[in-house]
Each structure stands twice: as C-alpha cells, then as structure tokens.
Amino acid sequence: MKEKTMDLDLLELLTQEVTKEDPEEEKLKQYMKKAGIKYSKDPIARIHAVLQEIHFMEKEEKENG
C-alpha cells in the first residue's frame, strides 16, 4: 500500500508540473523517470502519458478491489 501512496504522490507532483504554463524540464524528466513514463519534449504527449498512467492506476485499483 505504501508503494501506491508514493506512486500517487509522484503522479500528483508530475501532474502539477506538467500542467504549468512553463514547467521545469529537469523536474519533469526526473518525475517521469521515477514514474516509469517515457519523457517527451512535446507538452501534449507528456500530459497524455501522465493521464494514461493515472487512468491505468485507477483501473488497476478497481480491478483489485
């Protein structure tokens, strides 16, 4: 359970950074690497990847009860 909390905290930080008008690229690279998400210079691709990860975690949580 601790790992899920850490993953959610990391995804929250990543979401906050990726949605900034001028995100810090180094933070994004670091957060995305920790989350296991492939980094992209394209802001739309980054937002999409983060939202997919959140969706995957929510789906997995529902399936596991």
PDB file of N, CA and C in Angstrom:
ATOM      1  N   MET A   1       0.831  -1.208   0.000  1.00  0.00           N
ATOM      2  CA  MET A   1       0.000   0.000   0.000  1.00  0.00           C
ATOM      3  C   MET A   1       0.866   1.258   0.000  1.00  0.00           C
ATOM      4  N   LYS A   2       2.006   1.195   0.699  1.00  0.00           N
ATOM      5  CA  LYS A   2       2.893   2.353   0.750  1.00  0.00           C
ATOM      6  C   LYS A   2       3.363   2.732  -0.652  1.00  0.00           C
ATOM      7  N   GLU A   3       3.631   1.718  -1.496  1.00  0.00           N
ATOM      8  CA  GLU A   3       4.097   1.979  -2.855  1.00  0.00           C
ATOM      9  C   GLU A   3       3.033   2.715  -3.656  1.00  0.00           C
ATOM     10  N   LYS A   4       1.765   2.330  -3.514  1.00  0.00           N
ATOM     11  CA  LYS A   4       0.685   3.008  -4.225  1.00  0.00           C
ATOM     12  C   LYS A   4       0.593   4.463  -3.803  1.00  0.00           C
ATOM     13  N   THR A   5       0.722   4.726  -2.487  1.00  0.00           N
ATOM     14  CA  THR A   5       0.666   6.100  -1.992  1.00  0.00           C
ATOM     15  C   THR A   5       1.801   6.909  -2.586  1.00  0.00           C
ATOM     16  N   MET A   6       2.985   6.319  -2.620  1.00  0.00           N
ATOM     17  CA  MET A   6       4.131   7.010  -3.184  1.00  0.00           C
ATOM     18  C   MET A   6       3.908   7.265  -4.670  1.00  0.00           C
ATOM     19  N   ASP A   7       3.366   6.287  -5.384  1.00  0.00           N
ATOM     20  CA  ASP A   7       3.079   6.460  -6.810  1.00  0.00           C
ATOM     21  C   ASP A   7       2.073   7.584  -7.021  1.00  0.00           C
ATOM     22  N   LEU A   8       1.038   7.613  -6.194  1.00  0.00           N
ATOM     23  CA  LEU A   8       0.025   8.660  -6.324  1.00  0.00           C
ATOM     24  C   LEU A   8       0.606  10.028  -6.015  1.00  0.00           C
ATOM     25  N   ASP A   9       1.452  10.103  -4.996  1.00  0.00           N
ATOM     26  CA  ASP A   9       2.111  11.371  -4.662  1.00  0.00           C
ATOM     27  C   ASP A   9       2.992  11.838  -5.820  1.00  0.00           C
ATOM     28  N   LEU A  10       3.728  10.907  -6.398  1.00  0.00           N
ATOM     29  CA  LEU A  10       4.595  11.230  -7.532  1.00  0.00           C
ATOM     30  C   LEU A  10       3.765  11.684  -8.728  1.00  0.00           C
ATOM     31  N   LEU A  11       2.665  10.988  -9.006  1.00  0.00           N
ATOM     32  CA  LEU A  11       1.805  11.387 -10.122  1.00  0.00           C
ATOM     33  C   LEU A  11       1.161  12.743  -9.872  1.00  0.00           C
ATOM     34  N   GLU A  12       0.871  13.045  -8.614  1.00  0.00           N
ATOM     35  CA  GLU A  12       0.315  14.361  -8.282  1.00  0.00           C
ATOM     36  C   GLU A  12       1.346  15.458  -8.560  1.00  0.00           C
ATOM     37  N   LEU A  13       2.574  15.237  -8.133  1.00  0.00           N
ATOM     38  CA  LEU A  13       3.649  16.204  -8.403  1.00  0.00           C
ATOM     39  C   LEU A  13       3.866  16.354  -9.907  1.00  0.00           C
ATOM     40  N   LEU A  14       3.865  15.242 -10.595  1.00  0.00           N
ATOM     41  CA  LEU A  14       4.066  15.253 -12.033  1.00  0.00           C
ATOM     42  C   LEU A  14       2.931  15.995 -12.737  1.00  0.00           C
ATOM     43  N   THR A  15       1.718  15.759 -12.313  1.00  0.00           N
ATOM     44  CA  THR A  15       0.562  16.435 -12.900  1.00  0.00           C
ATOM     45  C   THR A  15       0.652  17.938 -12.697  1.00  0.00           C
ATOM     46  N   GLN A  16       1.043  18.340 -11.491  1.00  0.00           N
ATOM     47  CA  GLN A  16       1.181  19.772 -11.213  1.00  0.00           C
ATOM     48  C   GLN A  16       2.243  20.403 -12.104  1.00  0.00           C
ATOM     49  N   GLU A  17       3.349  19.707 -12.279  1.00  0.00           N
ATOM     50  CA  GLU A  17       4.441  20.261 -13.077  1.00  0.00           C
ATOM     51  C   GLU A  17       4.097  20.273 -14.570  1.00  0.00           C
ATOM     52  N   VAL A  18       3.505  19.194 -15.061  1.00  0.00           N
ATOM     53  CA  VAL A  18       3.223  19.063 -16.487  1.00  0.00           C
ATOM     54  C   VAL A  18       2.135  20.042 -16.953  1.00  0.00           C
ATOM     55  N   THR A  19       1.303  20.504 -16.035  1.00  0.00           N
ATOM     56  CA  THR A  19       0.224  21.424 -16.413  1.00  0.00           C
ATOM     57  C   THR A  19       0.594  22.894 -16.219  1.00  0.00           C
ATOM     58  N   LYS A  20       1.793  23.154 -15.761  1.00  0.00           N
ATOM     59  CA  LYS A  20       2.244  24.541 -15.636  1.00  0.00           C
ATOM     60  C   LYS A  20       2.454  25.143 -17.024  1.00  0.00           C
ATOM     61  N   GLU A  21       2.253  26.447 -17.114  1.00  0.00           N
ATOM     62  CA  GLU A  21       2.476  27.133 -18.385  1.00  0.00           C
ATOM     63  C   GLU A  21       3.937  27.022 -18.822  1.00  0.00           C
ATOM     64  N   ASP A  22       4.843  27.097 -17.841  1.00  0.00           N
ATOM     65  CA  ASP A  22       6.274  26.994 -18.133  1.00  0.00           C
ATOM     66  C   ASP A  22       6.904  25.981 -17.165  1.00  0.00           C
ATOM     67  N   PRO A  23       6.705  24.678 -17.420  1.00  0.00           N
ATOM     68  CA  PRO A  23       7.221  23.663 -16.500  1.00  0.00           C
ATOM     69  C   PRO A  23       8.748  23.592 -16.520  1.00  0.00           C
ATOM     70  N   GLU A  24       9.297  23.146 -15.400  1.00  0.00           N
ATOM     71  CA  GLU A  24      10.740  22.962 -15.298  1.00  0.00           C
ATOM     72  C   GLU A  24      11.086  21.611 -15.921  1.00  0.00           C
ATOM     73  N   GLU A  25      11.804  21.656 -17.025  1.00  0.00           N
ATOM     74  CA  GLU A  25      12.099  20.442 -17.792  1.00  0.00           C
ATOM     75  C   GLU A  25      12.855  19.393 -16.975  1.00  0.00           C
ATOM     76  N   GLU A  26      13.794  19.823 -16.158  1.00  0.00           N
ATOM     77  CA  GLU A  26      14.568  18.860 -15.371  1.00  0.00           C
ATOM     78  C   GLU A  26      13.688  18.147 -14.345  1.00  0.00           C
ATOM     79  N   LYS A  27      12.767  18.884 -13.722  1.00  0.00           N
ATOM     80  CA  LYS A  27      11.828  18.258 -12.795  1.00  0.00           C
ATOM     81  C   LYS A  27      10.961  17.246 -13.531  1.00  0.00           C
ATOM     82  N   LEU A  28      10.470  17.638 -14.705  1.00  0.00           N
ATOM     83  CA  LEU A  28       9.639  16.730 -15.499  1.00  0.00           C
ATOM     84  C   LEU A  28      10.396  15.452 -15.837  1.00  0.00           C
ATOM     85  N   LYS A  29      11.623  15.599 -16.289  1.00  0.00           N
ATOM     86  CA  LYS A  29      12.429  14.425 -16.630  1.00  0.00           C
ATOM     87  C   LYS A  29      12.599  13.518 -15.423  1.00  0.00           C
ATOM     88  N   GLN A  30      12.891  14.122 -14.270  1.00  0.00           N
ATOM     89  CA  GLN A  30      13.107  13.356 -13.042  1.00  0.00           C
ATOM     90  C   GLN A  30      11.821  12.638 -12.611  1.00  0.00           C
ATOM     91  N   TYR A  31      10.716  13.367 -12.573  1.00  0.00           N
ATOM     92  CA  TYR A  31       9.443  12.781 -12.145  1.00  0.00           C
ATOM     93  C   TYR A  31       8.982  11.686 -13.106  1.00  0.00           C
ATOM     94  N   MET A  32       9.122  11.941 -14.400  1.00  0.00           N
ATOM     95  CA  MET A  32       8.677  10.958 -15.381  1.00  0.00           C
ATOM     96  C   MET A  32       9.528   9.695 -15.308  1.00  0.00           C
ATOM     97  N   LYS A  33      10.816   9.863 -15.100  1.00  0.00           N
ATOM     98  CA  LYS A  33      11.695   8.698 -14.969  1.00  0.00           C
ATOM     99  C   LYS A  33      11.298   7.874 -13.748  1.00  0.00           C
ATOM    100  N   LYS A  34      11.070   8.538 -12.617  1.00  0.00           N
ATOM    101  CA  LYS A  34      10.665   7.831 -11.396  1.00  0.00           C
ATOM    102  C   LYS A  34       9.337   7.108 -11.579  1.00  0.00           C
ATOM    103  N   ALA A  35       8.444   7.710 -12.343  1.00  0.00           N
ATOM    104  CA  ALA A  35       7.119   7.122 -12.558  1.00  0.00           C
ATOM    105  C   ALA A  35       7.134   6.058 -13.652  1.00  0.00           C
ATOM    106  N   GLY A  36       8.254   5.930 -14.350  1.00  0.00           N
ATOM    107  CA  GLY A  36       8.347   4.947 -15.420  1.00  0.00           C
ATOM    108  C   GLY A  36       7.626   5.384 -16.681  1.00  0.00           C
ATOM    109  N   ILE A  37       7.529   6.690 -16.869  1.00  0.00           N
ATOM    110  CA  ILE A  37       6.855   7.256 -18.039  1.00  0.00           C
ATOM    111  C   ILE A  37       7.920   7.834 -18.959  1.00  0.00           C
ATOM    112  N   LYS A  38       7.818   7.502 -20.248  1.00  0.00           N
ATOM    113  CA  LYS A  38       8.798   7.990 -21.215  1.00  0.00           C
ATOM    114  C   LYS A  38       8.664   9.507 -21.375  1.00  0.00           C
ATOM    115  N   TYR A  39       9.777  10.199 -21.235  1.00  0.00           N
ATOM    116  CA  TYR A  39       9.808  11.653 -21.370  1.00  0.00           C
ATOM    117  C   TYR A  39       9.674  12.051 -22.834  1.00  0.00           C
ATOM    118  N   SER A  40       8.953  13.132 -23.060  1.00  0.00           N
ATOM    119  CA  SER A  40       8.805  13.709 -24.392  1.00  0.00           C
ATOM    120  C   SER A  40       8.927  15.220 -24.274  1.00  0.00           C
ATOM    121  N   LYS A  41       9.498  15.839 -25.279  1.00  0.00           N
ATOM    122  CA  LYS A  41       9.575  17.301 -25.297  1.00  0.00           C
ATOM    123  C   LYS A  41       8.229  17.922 -25.628  1.00  0.00           C
ATOM    124  N   ASP A  42       7.354  17.133 -26.251  1.00  0.00           N
ATOM    125  CA  ASP A  42       6.031  17.601 -26.654  1.00  0.00           C
ATOM    126  C   ASP A  42       5.109  17.692 -25.428  1.00  0.00           C
ATOM    127  N   PRO A  43       4.646  18.900 -25.078  1.00  0.00           N
ATOM    128  CA  PRO A  43       3.813  19.065 -23.882  1.00  0.00           C
ATOM    129  C   PRO A  43       2.507  18.269 -23.926  1.00  0.00           C
ATOM    130  N   ILE A  44       1.906  18.149 -25.093  1.00  0.00           N
ATOM    131  CA  ILE A  44       0.664  17.386 -25.215  1.00  0.00           C
ATOM    132  C   ILE A  44       0.928  15.897 -24.976  1.00  0.00           C
ATOM    133  N   ALA A  45       2.010  15.393 -25.524  1.00  0.00           N
ATOM    134  CA  ALA A  45       2.380  13.986 -25.331  1.00  0.00           C
ATOM    135  C   ALA A  45       2.656  13.701 -23.856  1.00  0.00           C
ATOM    136  N   ARG A  46       3.285  14.650 -23.174  1.00  0.00           N
ATOM    137  CA  ARG A  46       3.566  14.466 -21.736  1.00  0.00           C
ATOM    138  C   ARG A  46       2.275  14.405 -20.935  1.00  0.00           C
ATOM    139  N   ILE A  47       1.379  15.345 -21.188  1.00  0.00           N
ATOM    140  CA  ILE A  47       0.110  15.361 -20.461  1.00  0.00           C
ATOM    141  C   ILE A  47      -0.652  14.066 -20.735  1.00  0.00           C
ATOM    142  N   HIS A  48      -0.662  13.646 -21.978  1.00  0.00           N
ATOM    143  CA  HIS A  48      -1.340  12.408 -22.357  1.00  0.00           C
ATOM    144  C   HIS A  48      -0.753  11.204 -21.610  1.00  0.00           C
ATOM    145  N   ALA A  49       0.565  11.115 -21.566  1.00  0.00           N
ATOM    146  CA  ALA A  49       1.230   9.993 -20.895  1.00  0.00           C
ATOM    147  C   ALA A  49       0.906   9.967 -19.400  1.00  0.00           C
ATOM    148  N   VAL A  50       0.887  11.136 -18.778  1.00  0.00           N
ATOM    149  CA  VAL A  50       0.576  11.212 -17.342  1.00  0.00           C
ATOM    150  C   VAL A  50      -0.874  10.801 -17.095  1.00  0.00           C
ATOM    151  N   LEU A  51      -1.786  11.301 -17.919  1.00  0.00           N
ATOM    152  CA  LEU A  51      -3.199  10.939 -17.761  1.00  0.00           C
ATOM    153  C   LEU A  51      -3.422   9.450 -18.002  1.00  0.00           C
ATOM    154  N   GLN A  52      -2.707   8.871 -18.936  1.00  0.00           N
ATOM    155  CA  GLN A  52      -2.811   7.431 -19.166  1.00  0.00           C
ATOM    156  C   GLN A  52      -2.361   6.657 -17.932  1.00  0.00           C
ATOM    157  N   GLU A  53      -1.282   7.088 -17.322  1.00  0.00           N
ATOM    158  CA  GLU A  53      -0.770   6.408 -16.126  1.00  0.00           C
ATOM    159  C   GLU A  53      -1.777   6.496 -14.986  1.00  0.00           C
ATOM    160  N   ILE A  54      -2.374   7.654 -14.812  1.00  0.00           N
ATOM    161  CA  ILE A  54      -3.393   7.830 -13.772  1.00  0.00           C
ATOM    162  C   ILE A  54      -4.578   6.914 -14.063  1.00  0.00           C
ATOM    163  N   HIS A  55      -5.013   6.880 -15.308  1.00  0.00           N
ATOM    164  CA  HIS A  55      -6.132   6.017 -15.701  1.00  0.00           C
ATOM    165  C   HIS A  55      -5.801   4.552 -15.430  1.00  0.00           C
ATOM    166  N   PHE A  56      -4.589   4.130 -15.785  1.00  0.00           N
ATOM    167  CA  PHE A  56      -4.154   2.762 -15.568  1.00  0.00           C
ATOM    168  C   PHE A  56      -4.188   2.410 -14.080  1.00  0.00           C
ATOM    169  N   MET A  57      -3.693   3.320 -13.238  1.00  0.00           N
ATOM    170  CA  MET A  57      -3.684   3.064 -11.790  1.00  0.00           C
ATOM    171  C   MET A  57      -5.100   2.964 -11.241  1.00  0.00           C
ATOM    172  N   GLU A  58      -5.985   3.839 -11.692  1.00  0.00           N
ATOM    173  CA  GLU A  58      -7.376   3.802 -11.232  1.00  0.00           C
ATOM    174  C   GLU A  58      -8.053   2.508 -11.672  1.00  0.00           C
ATOM    175  N   LYS A  59      -7.821   2.103 -12.898  1.00  0.00           N
ATOM    176  CA  LYS A  59      -8.401   0.871 -13.421  1.00  0.00           C
ATOM    177  C   LYS A  59      -7.892  -0.333 -12.642  1.00  0.00           C
ATOM    178  N   GLU A  60      -6.594  -0.363 -12.384  1.00  0.00           N
ATOM    179  CA  GLU A  60      -5.975  -1.456 -11.634  1.00  0.00           C
ATOM    180  C   GLU A  60      -6.536  -1.521 -10.210  1.00  0.00           C
ATOM    181  N   GLU A  61      -6.738  -0.366  -9.607  1.00  0.00           N
ATOM    182  CA  GLU A  61      -7.283  -0.295  -8.252  1.00  0.00           C
ATOM    183  C   GLU A  61      -8.704  -0.860  -8.206  1.00  0.00           C
ATOM    184  N   LYS A  62      -9.518  -0.528  -9.203  1.00  0.00           N
ATOM    185  CA  LYS A  62     -10.891  -1.038  -9.266  1.00  0.00           C
ATOM    186  C   LYS A  62     -10.919  -2.537  -9.454  1.00  0.00           C
ATOM    187  N   GLU A  63     -10.021  -3.053 -10.306  1.00  0.00           N
ATOM    188  CA  GLU A  63      -9.964  -4.488 -10.576  1.00  0.00           C
ATOM    189  C   GLU A  63      -9.494  -5.280  -9.365  1.00  0.00           C
ATOM    190  N   ASN A  64      -8.617  -4.673  -8.574  1.00  0.00           N
ATOM    191  CA  ASN A  64      -8.069  -5.373  -7.400  1.00  0.00           C
ATOM    192  C   ASN A  64      -8.916  -5.174  -6.154  1.00  0.00           C
ATOM    193  N   GLY A  65      -9.958  -4.401  -6.284  1.00  0.00           N
ATOM    194  CA  GLY A  65     -10.910  -4.222  -5.197  1.00  0.00           C
ATOM    195  C   GLY A  65     -10.541  -3.178  -4.259  1.00  0.00           C
TER     196      GLY A  65
END
